[in-house]
Amino acid sequence: MIAEGRRANARCAAERLRGLLGQAGIVSPGLGVEPCVWEQPGEGAVRAVELGQVLPEVAHLIADLLEDGLQARRAPLRDRLSEVNARTRRRGELL
């Protein structure tokens, strides 16, 4: 059944997030699958993952993790651009 697949997907996403937050030492008791079914344009019925309420300190920890992750994702591109720029400068000096 489609609705059961959507519920399983939401449950899997919630458990994945709970596990990763746990590895970072973050516990979010309100994290779970929303019992209501929502209609998403183009997707049909979906179940949302409820993130729940957290203390400001926990929100800061989560924001720090996201910042670190985004920086790590951008680092290879930034390093590659630096490498290309350095080669371009060297070629310009040789001319």
C-alpha atoms as a PDB file:
ATOM      1  CA  MET A   1       0.000   0.000   0.000  1.00  0.00           C
ATOM      2  CA  ILE A   2       1.336   3.468  -0.901  1.00  0.00           C
ATOM      3  CA  ALA A   3       0.494   4.996   2.477  1.00  0.00           C
ATOM      4  CA  GLU A   4       2.439   2.238   4.262  1.00  0.00           C
ATOM      5  CA  GLY A   5       5.479   2.915   2.064  1.00  0.00           C
ATOM      6  CA  ARG A   6       5.277   6.608   2.909  1.00  0.00           C
ATOM      7  CA  ARG A   7       5.034   5.791   6.623  1.00  0.00           C
ATOM      8  CA  ALA A   8       8.043   3.480   6.371  1.00  0.00           C
ATOM      9  CA  ASN A   9      10.017   6.178   4.562  1.00  0.00           C
ATOM     10  CA  ALA A  10       9.202   8.748   7.249  1.00  0.00           C
ATOM     11  CA  ARG A  11      10.041   6.258  10.012  1.00  0.00           C
ATOM     12  CA  CYS A  12      13.371   5.428   8.326  1.00  0.00           C
ATOM     13  CA  ALA A  13      14.228   9.135   8.001  1.00  0.00           C
ATOM     14  CA  ALA A  14      13.357   9.776  11.647  1.00  0.00           C
ATOM     15  CA  GLU A  15      15.434   6.830  12.860  1.00  0.00           C
ATOM     16  CA  ARG A  16      18.385   7.869  10.680  1.00  0.00           C
ATOM     17  CA  LEU A  17      18.244  11.407  12.053  1.00  0.00           C
ATOM     18  CA  ARG A  18      17.836  10.129  15.633  1.00  0.00           C
ATOM     19  CA  GLY A  19      20.878   7.876  15.212  1.00  0.00           C
ATOM     20  CA  LEU A  20      23.084  10.597  13.751  1.00  0.00           C
ATOM     21  CA  LEU A  21      22.043  13.133  16.366  1.00  0.00           C
ATOM     22  CA  GLY A  22      22.748  10.496  19.009  1.00  0.00           C
ATOM     23  CA  GLN A  23      26.281  10.051  17.664  1.00  0.00           C
ATOM     24  CA  ALA A  24      26.744  13.780  18.208  1.00  0.00           C
ATOM     25  CA  GLY A  25      25.410  13.463  21.763  1.00  0.00           C
ATOM     26  CA  ILE A  26      22.092  15.132  20.938  1.00  0.00           C
ATOM     27  CA  VAL A  27      18.797  13.705  22.138  1.00  0.00           C
ATOM     28  CA  SER A  28      15.528  15.045  20.753  1.00  0.00           C
ATOM     29  CA  PRO A  29      12.636  13.332  22.531  1.00  0.00           C
ATOM     30  CA  GLY A  30      10.070  14.861  20.177  1.00  0.00           C
ATOM     31  CA  LEU A  31      11.643  13.388  17.049  1.00  0.00           C
ATOM     32  CA  GLY A  32       9.236  11.009  15.366  1.00  0.00           C
ATOM     33  CA  VAL A  33       6.734  10.470  12.573  1.00  0.00           C
ATOM     34  CA  GLU A  34       3.761  12.828  12.412  1.00  0.00           C
ATOM     35  CA  PRO A  35       0.582  10.757  12.727  1.00  0.00           C
ATOM     36  CA  CYS A  36      -1.298  12.915  10.207  1.00  0.00           C
ATOM     37  CA  VAL A  37      -1.051  12.377   6.485  1.00  0.00           C
ATOM     38  CA  TRP A  38      -0.351  15.490   4.427  1.00  0.00           C
ATOM     39  CA  GLU A  39      -1.045  16.085   0.775  1.00  0.00           C
ATOM     40  CA  GLN A  40       2.059  17.233  -1.064  1.00  0.00           C
ATOM     41  CA  PRO A  41       1.541  18.671  -4.555  1.00  0.00           C
ATOM     42  CA  GLY A  42       2.946  16.304  -7.133  1.00  0.00           C
ATOM     43  CA  GLU A  43       3.720  13.647  -4.508  1.00  0.00           C
ATOM     44  CA  GLY A  44       0.351  12.738  -3.044  1.00  0.00           C
ATOM     45  CA  ALA A  45      -0.026  11.613   0.542  1.00  0.00           C
ATOM     46  CA  VAL A  46       3.094  11.942   2.705  1.00  0.00           C
ATOM     47  CA  ARG A  47       3.926  11.662   6.368  1.00  0.00           C
ATOM     48  CA  ALA A  48       6.081  14.358   7.883  1.00  0.00           C
ATOM     49  CA  VAL A  49       8.932  13.809  10.302  1.00  0.00           C
ATOM     50  CA  GLU A  50       8.270  15.777  13.491  1.00  0.00           C
ATOM     51  CA  LEU A  51      11.486  17.294  14.822  1.00  0.00           C
ATOM     52  CA  GLY A  52       9.948  18.373  18.122  1.00  0.00           C
ATOM     53  CA  GLN A  53      11.004  21.048  20.540  1.00  0.00           C
ATOM     54  CA  VAL A  54      14.589  21.383  21.730  1.00  0.00           C
ATOM     55  CA  LEU A  55      16.400  23.644  24.149  1.00  0.00           C
ATOM     56  CA  PRO A  56      18.296  26.591  22.656  1.00  0.00           C
ATOM     57  CA  GLU A  57      21.614  24.886  23.471  1.00  0.00           C
ATOM     58  CA  VAL A  58      20.553  21.838  21.469  1.00  0.00           C
ATOM     59  CA  ALA A  59      19.459  24.037  18.558  1.00  0.00           C
ATOM     60  CA  HIS A  60      22.935  25.634  18.612  1.00  0.00           C
ATOM     61  CA  LEU A  61      24.567  22.187  18.591  1.00  0.00           C
ATOM     62  CA  ILE A  62      22.477  21.124  15.611  1.00  0.00           C
ATOM     63  CA  ALA A  63      23.297  24.386  13.805  1.00  0.00           C
ATOM     64  CA  ASP A  64      27.016  23.812  14.503  1.00  0.00           C
ATOM     65  CA  LEU A  65      26.772  20.315  13.015  1.00  0.00           C
ATOM     66  CA  LEU A  66      25.037  21.648   9.923  1.00  0.00           C
ATOM     67  CA  GLU A  67      27.636  24.388   9.480  1.00  0.00           C
ATOM     68  CA  ASP A  68      30.463  21.863   9.820  1.00  0.00           C
ATOM     69  CA  GLY A  69      28.787  19.550   7.330  1.00  0.00           C
ATOM     70  CA  LEU A  70      28.238  22.317   4.793  1.00  0.00           C
ATOM     71  CA  GLN A  71      31.835  23.485   5.125  1.00  0.00           C
ATOM     72  CA  ALA A  72      33.089  19.925   4.691  1.00  0.00           C
ATOM     73  CA  ARG A  73      30.932  19.503   1.597  1.00  0.00           C
ATOM     74  CA  ARG A  74      32.299  22.714   0.096  1.00  0.00           C
ATOM     75  CA  ALA A  75      35.945  22.059   1.024  1.00  0.00           C
ATOM     76  CA  PRO A  76      36.814  19.809  -1.983  1.00  0.00           C
ATOM     77  CA  LEU A  77      35.418  22.380  -4.408  1.00  0.00           C
ATOM     78  CA  ARG A  78      37.199  25.222  -2.627  1.00  0.00           C
ATOM     79  CA  ASP A  79      40.489  23.250  -2.689  1.00  0.00           C
ATOM     80  CA  ARG A  80      40.060  22.458  -6.394  1.00  0.00           C
ATOM     81  CA  LEU A  81      39.385  26.115  -7.215  1.00  0.00           C
ATOM     82  CA  SER A  82      42.487  27.156  -5.272  1.00  0.00           C
ATOM     83  CA  GLU A  83      44.543  24.624  -7.199  1.00  0.00           C
ATOM     84  CA  VAL A  84      43.226  25.832 -10.564  1.00  0.00           C
ATOM     85  CA  ASN A  85      43.799  29.470  -9.588  1.00  0.00           C
ATOM     86  CA  ALA A  86      47.385  28.700  -8.541  1.00  0.00           C
ATOM     87  CA  ARG A  87      48.110  26.948 -11.868  1.00  0.00           C
ATOM     88  CA  THR A  88      46.549  29.824 -13.782  1.00  0.00           C
ATOM     89  CA  ARG A  89      48.721  32.337 -11.907  1.00  0.00           C
ATOM     90  CA  ARG A  90      51.864  30.254 -12.620  1.00  0.00           C
ATOM     91  CA  ARG A  91      51.020  30.117 -16.320  1.00  0.00           C
ATOM     92  CA  GLY A  92      50.468  33.873 -16.367  1.00  0.00           C
ATOM     93  CA  GLU A  93      53.878  34.462 -14.796  1.00  0.00           C
ATOM     94  CA  LEU A  94      55.574  32.323 -17.450  1.00  0.00           C
ATOM     95  CA  LEU A  95      54.163  34.364 -20.324  1.00  0.00           C
END
